[in-house]
Amino acid sequence: MEIELELNKSVEENAGLYFDKAKKAKKKLKGALKALEDSKQKLEKLGKEEEKFVEEEEKKKVKKEIKREWYEKFHWFISSEGFLCVGGKDATSNEIIVKKHAEKGDLVFHTDLPGSPFFVVKNGLEAGEETLKEAAQATASYSRAWKLGLGTAEVYGVESNQVKKEFGLPKGSFMIHGKRKYFNPRLEFSIGLVDDVIIGGPLSAVKTKTNKYVKVVCGREKKSALAKKIKAKLKGGDLDEIVKFLPAGGGAIKK
């Protein structure tokens, strides 16, 4: 190590000069170390943000790649006996459900309340009483009765050939001919989680597919807030999918 001394200064003065230089160097080093630490923290934060972004994009990609069945654009559930039950969300989808998807051998469910969905049970003539009760409960839960906060609603079921579109009827409305079978289900619904996929329907249908489920009844909590609570209780699932399965109007988790 070489030390330069100024000959016109005393030993003490030279020592003082080097002491001042050392103080300045130490201060610069401290600043450099702090800047380095700040840079490390910023890089770490950016790294986490990048990881989160990539993860979210992957989830979106997977979500887009999932093949959607035709009935998933409507209200739907699979009964405890394995029958597909599909219902309309509005006048347009009611029209489509009945005219396009109600076939020979199917059953159709409806309430007399305005704003009720038409629910079609595919191959319903082969279904047991449990499936019919579940279809009636779904029809009631997705009807205006839920918004009105009713505890139950009268639902009827008929064969598909009893449902006719007659001249003058508005979109989503049909004439029912012949004998009807009536049900008085409770207004209650369930949301379940199967391998991180959200399902919905009457409790008896949902619990045959998973032990992770939440029971929902009429209430005052908005769908968005209720969906977040359901997601937290299920510890998984897509929030938008939960919202899709919930009946229109307020709700509450049944304890």
C-alpha atoms as a PDB file:
ATOM      1  CA  MET A   1       0.000   0.000   0.000  1.00  0.00           C
ATOM      2  CA  GLU A   2       1.461   3.366  -1.052  1.00  0.00           C
ATOM      3  CA  ILE A   3       0.757   6.594   0.837  1.00  0.00           C
ATOM      4  CA  GLU A   4       1.488   9.989  -0.668  1.00  0.00           C
ATOM      5  CA  LEU A   5       2.602  12.644   1.782  1.00  0.00           C
ATOM      6  CA  GLU A   6       2.638  16.385   1.170  1.00  0.00           C
ATOM      7  CA  LEU A   7       6.106  17.523   2.202  1.00  0.00           C
ATOM      8  CA  ASN A   8       4.991  21.069   2.933  1.00  0.00           C
ATOM      9  CA  LYS A   9       2.629  19.751   5.607  1.00  0.00           C
ATOM     10  CA  SER A  10       3.342  18.220   8.957  1.00  0.00           C
ATOM     11  CA  VAL A  11       2.723  14.568   9.838  1.00  0.00           C
ATOM     12  CA  GLU A  12      -0.358  15.582  11.799  1.00  0.00           C
ATOM     13  CA  GLU A  13      -1.724  17.598   8.848  1.00  0.00           C
ATOM     14  CA  ASN A  14      -1.117  14.683   6.444  1.00  0.00           C
ATOM     15  CA  ALA A  15      -2.844  12.345   8.873  1.00  0.00           C
ATOM     16  CA  GLY A  16      -5.777  14.753   9.051  1.00  0.00           C
ATOM     17  CA  LEU A  17      -6.044  14.822   5.258  1.00  0.00           C
ATOM     18  CA  TYR A  18      -6.166  11.006   5.094  1.00  0.00           C
ATOM     19  CA  PHE A  19      -8.654  10.895   7.929  1.00  0.00           C
ATOM     20  CA  ASP A  20     -10.972  13.260   5.989  1.00  0.00           C
ATOM     21  CA  LYS A  21     -10.545  11.182   2.816  1.00  0.00           C
ATOM     22  CA  ALA A  22     -11.360   8.020   4.769  1.00  0.00           C
ATOM     23  CA  LYS A  23     -14.535   9.651   6.180  1.00  0.00           C
ATOM     24  CA  LYS A  24     -15.645  10.678   2.682  1.00  0.00           C
ATOM     25  CA  ALA A  25     -14.912   7.221   1.278  1.00  0.00           C
ATOM     26  CA  LYS A  26     -16.838   5.599   4.146  1.00  0.00           C
ATOM     27  CA  LYS A  27     -19.795   7.896   3.524  1.00  0.00           C
ATOM     28  CA  LYS A  28     -19.737   7.092  -0.204  1.00  0.00           C
ATOM     29  CA  LEU A  29     -19.548   3.380   0.570  1.00  0.00           C
ATOM     30  CA  LYS A  30     -22.506   3.644   2.933  1.00  0.00           C
ATOM     31  CA  GLY A  31     -24.523   5.445   0.222  1.00  0.00           C
ATOM     32  CA  ALA A  32     -23.506   2.885  -2.383  1.00  0.00           C
ATOM     33  CA  LEU A  33     -24.517   0.002  -0.096  1.00  0.00           C
ATOM     34  CA  LYS A  34     -27.890   1.651   0.576  1.00  0.00           C
ATOM     35  CA  ALA A  35     -28.437   2.197  -3.165  1.00  0.00           C
ATOM     36  CA  LEU A  36     -27.501  -1.434  -3.781  1.00  0.00           C
ATOM     37  CA  GLU A  37     -29.966  -2.621  -1.119  1.00  0.00           C
ATOM     38  CA  ASP A  38     -32.716  -0.390  -2.569  1.00  0.00           C
ATOM     39  CA  SER A  39     -32.015  -1.806  -6.032  1.00  0.00           C
ATOM     40  CA  LYS A  40     -32.192  -5.369  -4.673  1.00  0.00           C
ATOM     41  CA  GLN A  41     -35.556  -4.653  -3.047  1.00  0.00           C
ATOM     42  CA  LYS A  42     -36.909  -3.083  -6.237  1.00  0.00           C
ATOM     43  CA  LEU A  43     -35.702  -6.056  -8.287  1.00  0.00           C
ATOM     44  CA  GLU A  44     -37.273  -8.455  -5.814  1.00  0.00           C
ATOM     45  CA  LYS A  45     -40.569  -6.555  -5.981  1.00  0.00           C
ATOM     46  CA  LEU A  46     -40.465  -6.514  -9.784  1.00  0.00           C
ATOM     47  CA  GLY A  47     -39.701 -10.229  -9.764  1.00  0.00           C
ATOM     48  CA  LYS A  48     -42.752 -10.960  -7.602  1.00  0.00           C
ATOM     49  CA  GLU A  49     -44.940  -8.745  -9.784  1.00  0.00           C
ATOM     50  CA  GLU A  50     -43.667 -10.558 -12.873  1.00  0.00           C
ATOM     51  CA  GLU A  51     -44.395 -13.944 -11.286  1.00  0.00           C
ATOM     52  CA  LYS A  52     -47.915 -12.802 -10.360  1.00  0.00           C
ATOM     53  CA  PHE A  53     -48.501 -11.454 -13.876  1.00  0.00           C
ATOM     54  CA  VAL A  54     -47.302 -14.685 -15.506  1.00  0.00           C
ATOM     55  CA  GLU A  55     -49.451 -16.745 -13.116  1.00  0.00           C
ATOM     56  CA  GLU A  56     -52.555 -14.665 -13.881  1.00  0.00           C
ATOM     57  CA  GLU A  57     -51.927 -14.891 -17.615  1.00  0.00           C
ATOM     58  CA  GLU A  58     -51.529 -18.679 -17.338  1.00  0.00           C
ATOM     59  CA  LYS A  59     -54.822 -18.892 -15.455  1.00  0.00           C
ATOM     60  CA  LYS A  60     -56.528 -16.821 -18.153  1.00  0.00           C
ATOM     61  CA  LYS A  61     -55.012 -19.046 -20.813  1.00  0.00           C
ATOM     62  CA  VAL A  62     -56.203 -22.202 -19.073  1.00  0.00           C
ATOM     63  CA  LYS A  63     -59.635 -20.653 -18.586  1.00  0.00           C
ATOM     64  CA  LYS A  64     -59.855 -19.861 -22.299  1.00  0.00           C
ATOM     65  CA  GLU A  65     -58.709 -23.353 -23.253  1.00  0.00           C
ATOM     66  CA  ILE A  66     -61.383 -25.078 -21.138  1.00  0.00           C
ATOM     67  CA  LYS A  67     -63.999 -26.520 -23.452  1.00  0.00           C
ATOM     68  CA  ARG A  68     -67.420 -25.118 -22.628  1.00  0.00           C
ATOM     69  CA  GLU A  69     -70.518 -27.255 -23.044  1.00  0.00           C
ATOM     70  CA  TRP A  70     -73.551 -25.778 -24.804  1.00  0.00           C
ATOM     71  CA  TYR A  71     -75.597 -25.707 -21.590  1.00  0.00           C
ATOM     72  CA  GLU A  72     -73.039 -23.633 -19.643  1.00  0.00           C
ATOM     73  CA  LYS A  73     -74.395 -20.396 -21.136  1.00  0.00           C
ATOM     74  CA  PHE A  74     -77.665 -21.084 -19.265  1.00  0.00           C
ATOM     75  CA  HIS A  75     -78.536 -21.966 -15.668  1.00  0.00           C
ATOM     76  CA  TRP A  76     -77.674 -25.622 -15.236  1.00  0.00           C
ATOM     77  CA  PHE A  77     -76.835 -28.464 -12.861  1.00  0.00           C
ATOM     78  CA  ILE A  78     -76.490 -32.239 -12.919  1.00  0.00           C
ATOM     79  CA  SER A  79     -79.083 -33.920 -10.718  1.00  0.00           C
ATOM     80  CA  SER A  80     -78.202 -36.413  -7.988  1.00  0.00           C
ATOM     81  CA  GLU A  81     -79.333 -39.137 -10.407  1.00  0.00           C
ATOM     82  CA  GLY A  82     -77.118 -37.815 -13.220  1.00  0.00           C
ATOM     83  CA  PHE A  83     -79.710 -35.985 -15.355  1.00  0.00           C
ATOM     84  CA  LEU A  84     -78.821 -32.687 -17.030  1.00  0.00           C
ATOM     85  CA  CYS A  85     -81.138 -29.840 -15.981  1.00  0.00           C
ATOM     86  CA  VAL A  86     -80.929 -26.595 -17.986  1.00  0.00           C
ATOM     87  CA  GLY A  87     -82.820 -23.334 -17.371  1.00  0.00           C
ATOM     88  CA  GLY A  88     -83.232 -19.954 -19.010  1.00  0.00           C
ATOM     89  CA  LYS A  89     -81.812 -16.723 -17.604  1.00  0.00           C
ATOM     90  CA  ASP A  90     -84.195 -14.318 -19.337  1.00  0.00           C
ATOM     91  CA  ALA A  91     -86.945 -14.212 -21.974  1.00  0.00           C
ATOM     92  CA  THR A  92     -84.513 -14.820 -24.842  1.00  0.00           C
ATOM     93  CA  SER A  93     -82.802 -17.820 -23.248  1.00  0.00           C
ATOM     94  CA  ASN A  94     -86.196 -19.210 -22.135  1.00  0.00           C
ATOM     95  CA  GLU A  95     -87.248 -19.115 -25.788  1.00  0.00           C
ATOM     96  CA  ILE A  96     -84.064 -20.917 -26.847  1.00  0.00           C
ATOM     97  CA  ILE A  97     -84.282 -23.518 -24.065  1.00  0.00           C
ATOM     98  CA  VAL A  98     -87.830 -24.572 -24.945  1.00  0.00           C
ATOM     99  CA  LYS A  99     -87.782 -24.226 -28.725  1.00  0.00           C
ATOM    100  CA  LYS A 100     -84.295 -25.598 -29.386  1.00  0.00           C
ATOM    101  CA  HIS A 101     -83.422 -27.886 -26.482  1.00  0.00           C
ATOM    102  CA  ALA A 102     -86.720 -29.320 -25.181  1.00  0.00           C
ATOM    103  CA  GLU A 103     -87.141 -32.626 -27.014  1.00  0.00           C
ATOM    104  CA  LYS A 104     -89.372 -35.664 -26.821  1.00  0.00           C
ATOM    105  CA  GLY A 105     -88.824 -37.447 -23.508  1.00  0.00           C
ATOM    106  CA  ASP A 106     -87.779 -34.266 -21.693  1.00  0.00           C
ATOM    107  CA  LEU A 107     -89.648 -32.606 -18.828  1.00  0.00           C
ATOM    108  CA  VAL A 108     -90.210 -28.846 -18.537  1.00  0.00           C
ATOM    109  CA  PHE A 109     -90.552 -26.948 -15.230  1.00  0.00           C
ATOM    110  CA  HIS A 110     -91.912 -23.450 -14.623  1.00  0.00           C
ATOM    111  CA  THR A 111     -93.676 -21.279 -12.036  1.00  0.00           C
ATOM    112  CA  ASP A 112     -96.683 -19.014 -12.560  1.00  0.00           C
ATOM    113  CA  LEU A 113     -94.663 -16.032 -11.332  1.00  0.00           C
ATOM    114  CA  PRO A 114     -93.532 -13.472 -13.939  1.00  0.00           C
ATOM    115  CA  GLY A 115     -89.778 -13.687 -14.456  1.00  0.00           C
ATOM    116  CA  SER A 116     -89.584 -17.443 -13.962  1.00  0.00           C
ATOM    117  CA  PRO A 117     -87.131 -19.592 -15.886  1.00  0.00           C
ATOM    118  CA  PHE A 118     -88.189 -22.587 -17.929  1.00  0.00           C
ATOM    119  CA  PHE A 119     -86.079 -25.534 -16.768  1.00  0.00           C
ATOM    120  CA  VAL A 120     -85.682 -28.572 -19.027  1.00  0.00           C
ATOM    121  CA  VAL A 121     -84.716 -31.962 -17.599  1.00  0.00           C
ATOM    122  CA  LYS A 122     -83.110 -33.889 -20.437  1.00  0.00           C
ATOM    123  CA  ASN A 123     -84.611 -37.414 -20.667  1.00  0.00           C
ATOM    124  CA  GLY A 124     -86.721 -36.387 -17.706  1.00  0.00           C
ATOM    125  CA  LEU A 125     -89.332 -39.110 -18.295  1.00  0.00           C
ATOM    126  CA  GLU A 126     -86.669 -41.593 -17.141  1.00  0.00           C
ATOM    127  CA  ALA A 127     -85.739 -39.571 -14.046  1.00  0.00           C
ATOM    128  CA  GLY A 128     -86.735 -40.455 -10.503  1.00  0.00           C
ATOM    129  CA  GLU A 129     -88.631 -38.339  -8.000  1.00  0.00           C
ATOM    130  CA  GLU A 130     -85.411 -36.887  -6.522  1.00  0.00           C
ATOM    131  CA  THR A 131     -84.404 -35.317  -9.854  1.00  0.00           C
ATOM    132  CA  LEU A 132     -87.899 -33.844 -10.301  1.00  0.00           C
ATOM    133  CA  LYS A 133     -87.746 -32.262  -6.842  1.00  0.00           C
ATOM    134  CA  GLU A 134     -84.309 -30.835  -7.590  1.00  0.00           C
ATOM    135  CA  ALA A 135     -85.454 -29.380 -10.926  1.00  0.00           C
ATOM    136  CA  ALA A 136     -88.435 -27.786  -9.166  1.00  0.00           C
ATOM    137  CA  GLN A 137     -86.175 -26.311  -6.486  1.00  0.00           C
ATOM    138  CA  ALA A 138     -83.787 -24.841  -9.076  1.00  0.00           C
ATOM    139  CA  THR A 139     -86.736 -23.373 -11.002  1.00  0.00           C
ATOM    140  CA  ALA A 140     -88.096 -21.740  -7.844  1.00  0.00           C
ATOM    141  CA  SER A 141     -84.665 -20.467  -6.724  1.00  0.00           C
ATOM    142  CA  TYR A 142     -83.932 -18.813 -10.071  1.00  0.00           C
ATOM    143  CA  SER A 143     -87.420 -17.283 -10.246  1.00  0.00           C
ATOM    144  CA  ARG A 144     -88.588 -13.897  -8.989  1.00  0.00           C
ATOM    145  CA  ALA A 145     -89.622 -15.604  -5.748  1.00  0.00           C
ATOM    146  CA  TRP A 146     -85.965 -15.384  -4.650  1.00  0.00           C
ATOM    147  CA  LYS A 147     -85.849 -11.617  -5.169  1.00  0.00           C
ATOM    148  CA  LEU A 148     -89.115 -11.297  -3.241  1.00  0.00           C
ATOM    149  CA  GLY A 149     -87.551 -13.181  -0.335  1.00  0.00           C
ATOM    150  CA  LEU A 150     -90.179 -15.928  -0.299  1.00  0.00           C
ATOM    151  CA  GLY A 151     -89.507 -19.149   1.569  1.00  0.00           C
ATOM    152  CA  THR A 152     -91.137 -21.360  -1.071  1.00  0.00           C
ATOM    153  CA  ALA A 153     -92.779 -21.156  -4.496  1.00  0.00           C
ATOM    154  CA  GLU A 154     -95.223 -23.323  -6.437  1.00  0.00           C
ATOM    155  CA  VAL A 155     -93.601 -25.022  -9.423  1.00  0.00           C
ATOM    156  CA  TYR A 156     -95.175 -27.331 -11.992  1.00  0.00           C
ATOM    157  CA  GLY A 157     -93.661 -29.897 -14.316  1.00  0.00           C
ATOM    158  CA  VAL A 158     -95.003 -31.099 -17.671  1.00  0.00           C
ATOM    159  CA  GLU A 159     -93.837 -33.164 -20.608  1.00  0.00           C
ATOM    160  CA  SER A 160     -92.146 -31.189 -23.377  1.00  0.00           C
ATOM    161  CA  ASN A 161     -94.981 -31.833 -25.864  1.00  0.00           C
ATOM    162  CA  GLN A 162     -97.373 -29.976 -23.531  1.00  0.00           C
ATOM    163  CA  VAL A 163     -95.473 -26.719 -24.043  1.00  0.00           C
ATOM    164  CA  LYS A 164     -96.609 -24.825 -27.131  1.00  0.00           C
ATOM    165  CA  LYS A 165     -95.690 -21.506 -28.696  1.00  0.00           C
ATOM    166  CA  GLU A 166     -98.938 -19.878 -29.770  1.00  0.00           C
ATOM    167  CA  PHE A 167     -99.586 -16.761 -31.834  1.00  0.00           C
ATOM    168  CA  GLY A 168     -99.444 -13.500 -29.912  1.00  0.00           C
ATOM    169  CA  LEU A 169     -97.396 -14.762 -26.983  1.00  0.00           C
ATOM    170  CA  PRO A 170     -94.356 -12.571 -26.130  1.00  0.00           C
ATOM    171  CA  LYS A 171     -90.798 -13.843 -26.301  1.00  0.00           C
ATOM    172  CA  GLY A 172     -90.048 -16.403 -23.602  1.00  0.00           C
ATOM    173  CA  SER A 173     -93.742 -17.203 -22.969  1.00  0.00           C
ATOM    174  CA  PHE A 174     -95.497 -20.460 -23.842  1.00  0.00           C
ATOM    175  CA  MET A 175     -98.910 -22.037 -23.469  1.00  0.00           C
ATOM    176  CA  ILE A 176     -99.101 -25.134 -21.255  1.00  0.00           C
ATOM    177  CA  HIS A 177    -101.658 -27.800 -22.203  1.00  0.00           C
ATOM    178  CA  GLY A 178    -102.873 -30.759 -20.180  1.00  0.00           C
ATOM    179  CA  LYS A 179    -102.214 -31.998 -16.670  1.00  0.00           C
ATOM    180  CA  ARG A 180     -99.453 -30.511 -14.512  1.00  0.00           C
ATOM    181  CA  LYS A 181     -97.525 -32.007 -11.613  1.00  0.00           C
ATOM    182  CA  TYR A 182     -97.023 -29.508  -8.785  1.00  0.00           C
ATOM    183  CA  PHE A 183     -94.157 -29.065  -6.310  1.00  0.00           C
ATOM    184  CA  ASN A 184     -93.609 -26.638  -3.429  1.00  0.00           C
ATOM    185  CA  PRO A 185     -89.830 -26.570  -2.928  1.00  0.00           C
ATOM    186  CA  ARG A 186     -87.920 -24.441  -0.409  1.00  0.00           C
ATOM    187  CA  LEU A 187     -85.943 -21.588  -1.877  1.00  0.00           C
ATOM    188  CA  GLU A 188     -82.431 -22.810  -1.145  1.00  0.00           C
ATOM    189  CA  PHE A 189     -79.355 -23.274  -3.309  1.00  0.00           C
ATOM    190  CA  SER A 190     -75.845 -24.671  -2.952  1.00  0.00           C
ATOM    191  CA  ILE A 191     -72.463 -23.809  -4.443  1.00  0.00           C
ATOM    192  CA  GLY A 192     -69.785 -26.510  -4.489  1.00  0.00           C
ATOM    193  CA  LEU A 193     -66.156 -26.984  -5.494  1.00  0.00           C
ATOM    194  CA  VAL A 194     -64.942 -29.997  -7.509  1.00  0.00           C
ATOM    195  CA  ASP A 195     -61.196 -29.965  -8.323  1.00  0.00           C
ATOM    196  CA  ASP A 196     -61.196 -26.134  -8.266  1.00  0.00           C
ATOM    197  CA  VAL A 197     -64.234 -26.060 -10.588  1.00  0.00           C
ATOM    198  CA  ILE A 198     -67.397 -24.374  -9.300  1.00  0.00           C
ATOM    199  CA  ILE A 199     -70.729 -26.189  -9.541  1.00  0.00           C
ATOM    200  CA  GLY A 200     -74.182 -25.160  -8.333  1.00  0.00           C
ATOM    201  CA  GLY A 201     -77.620 -26.595  -7.764  1.00  0.00           C
ATOM    202  CA  PRO A 202     -79.915 -27.992  -5.073  1.00  0.00           C
ATOM    203  CA  LEU A 203     -78.024 -29.354  -2.066  1.00  0.00           C
ATOM    204  CA  SER A 204     -78.996 -32.975  -2.755  1.00  0.00           C
ATOM    205  CA  ALA A 205     -77.460 -32.703  -6.243  1.00  0.00           C
ATOM    206  CA  VAL A 206     -74.285 -30.839  -5.227  1.00  0.00           C
ATOM    207  CA  LYS A 207     -73.334 -33.025  -2.262  1.00  0.00           C
ATOM    208  CA  THR A 208     -73.330 -36.186  -4.432  1.00  0.00           C
ATOM    209  CA  LYS A 209     -70.340 -34.681  -6.268  1.00  0.00           C
ATOM    210  CA  THR A 210     -68.355 -32.977  -3.498  1.00  0.00           C
ATOM    211  CA  ASN A 211     -68.127 -32.521   0.255  1.00  0.00           C
ATOM    212  CA  LYS A 212     -66.994 -28.926  -0.284  1.00  0.00           C
ATOM    213  CA  TYR A 213     -70.154 -26.870  -0.561  1.00  0.00           C
ATOM    214  CA  VAL A 214     -71.969 -23.864   0.885  1.00  0.00           C
ATOM    215  CA  LYS A 215     -75.746 -23.538   1.332  1.00  0.00           C
ATOM    216  CA  VAL A 216     -77.313 -20.243   0.239  1.00  0.00           C
ATOM    217  CA  VAL A 217     -80.746 -18.789   1.066  1.00  0.00           C
ATOM    218  CA  CYS A 218     -82.558 -15.516   0.295  1.00  0.00           C
ATOM    219  CA  GLY A 219     -80.936 -12.537   1.994  1.00  0.00           C
ATOM    220  CA  ARG A 220     -79.808  -8.952   1.638  1.00  0.00           C
ATOM    221  CA  GLU A 221     -76.155  -9.430   0.736  1.00  0.00           C
ATOM    222  CA  LYS A 222     -75.247  -8.485  -2.831  1.00  0.00           C
ATOM    223  CA  LYS A 223     -74.092 -11.239  -5.184  1.00  0.00           C
ATOM    224  CA  SER A 224     -70.554  -9.857  -5.501  1.00  0.00           C
ATOM    225  CA  ALA A 225     -69.970  -9.674  -1.733  1.00  0.00           C
ATOM    226  CA  LEU A 226     -71.670 -13.019  -1.163  1.00  0.00           C
ATOM    227  CA  ALA A 227     -69.548 -14.656  -3.867  1.00  0.00           C
ATOM    228  CA  LYS A 228     -66.354 -13.489  -2.129  1.00  0.00           C
ATOM    229  CA  LYS A 229     -67.503 -15.037   1.161  1.00  0.00           C
ATOM    230  CA  ILE A 230     -68.390 -18.289  -0.604  1.00  0.00           C
ATOM    231  CA  LYS A 231     -64.982 -18.383  -2.313  1.00  0.00           C
ATOM    232  CA  ALA A 232     -63.296 -17.873   1.080  1.00  0.00           C
ATOM    233  CA  LYS A 233     -65.325 -20.681   2.662  1.00  0.00           C
ATOM    234  CA  LEU A 234     -64.650 -23.063  -0.229  1.00  0.00           C
ATOM    235  CA  LYS A 235     -60.982 -21.988  -0.306  1.00  0.00           C
ATOM    236  CA  GLY A 236     -60.923 -21.975  -4.077  1.00  0.00           C
ATOM    237  CA  GLY A 237     -62.861 -21.563  -7.289  1.00  0.00           C
ATOM    238  CA  ASP A 238     -63.360 -18.740  -9.766  1.00  0.00           C
ATOM    239  CA  LEU A 239     -65.263 -15.728  -8.421  1.00  0.00           C
ATOM    240  CA  ASP A 240     -67.061 -15.060 -11.719  1.00  0.00           C
ATOM    241  CA  GLU A 241     -68.274 -18.661 -11.855  1.00  0.00           C
ATOM    242  CA  ILE A 242     -69.684 -18.385  -8.329  1.00  0.00           C
ATOM    243  CA  VAL A 243     -71.570 -15.233  -9.329  1.00  0.00           C
ATOM    244  CA  LYS A 244     -72.999 -17.020 -12.405  1.00  0.00           C
ATOM    245  CA  PHE A 245     -74.490 -19.791 -10.287  1.00  0.00           C
ATOM    246  CA  LEU A 246     -76.058 -17.513  -7.674  1.00  0.00           C
ATOM    247  CA  PRO A 247     -79.761 -16.607  -8.061  1.00  0.00           C
ATOM    248  CA  ALA A 248     -80.555 -12.985  -8.926  1.00  0.00           C
ATOM    249  CA  GLY A 249     -81.149 -10.792  -5.900  1.00  0.00           C
ATOM    250  CA  GLY A 250     -79.711 -10.754  -2.409  1.00  0.00           C
ATOM    251  CA  GLY A 251     -78.563 -13.849  -0.597  1.00  0.00           C
ATOM    252  CA  ALA A 252     -76.961 -15.168   2.558  1.00  0.00           C
ATOM    253  CA  ILE A 253     -74.917 -18.187   3.601  1.00  0.00           C
ATOM    254  CA  LYS A 254     -77.018 -20.633   5.583  1.00  0.00           C
ATOM    255  CA  LYS A 255     -75.217 -21.718   8.757  1.00  0.00           C
END
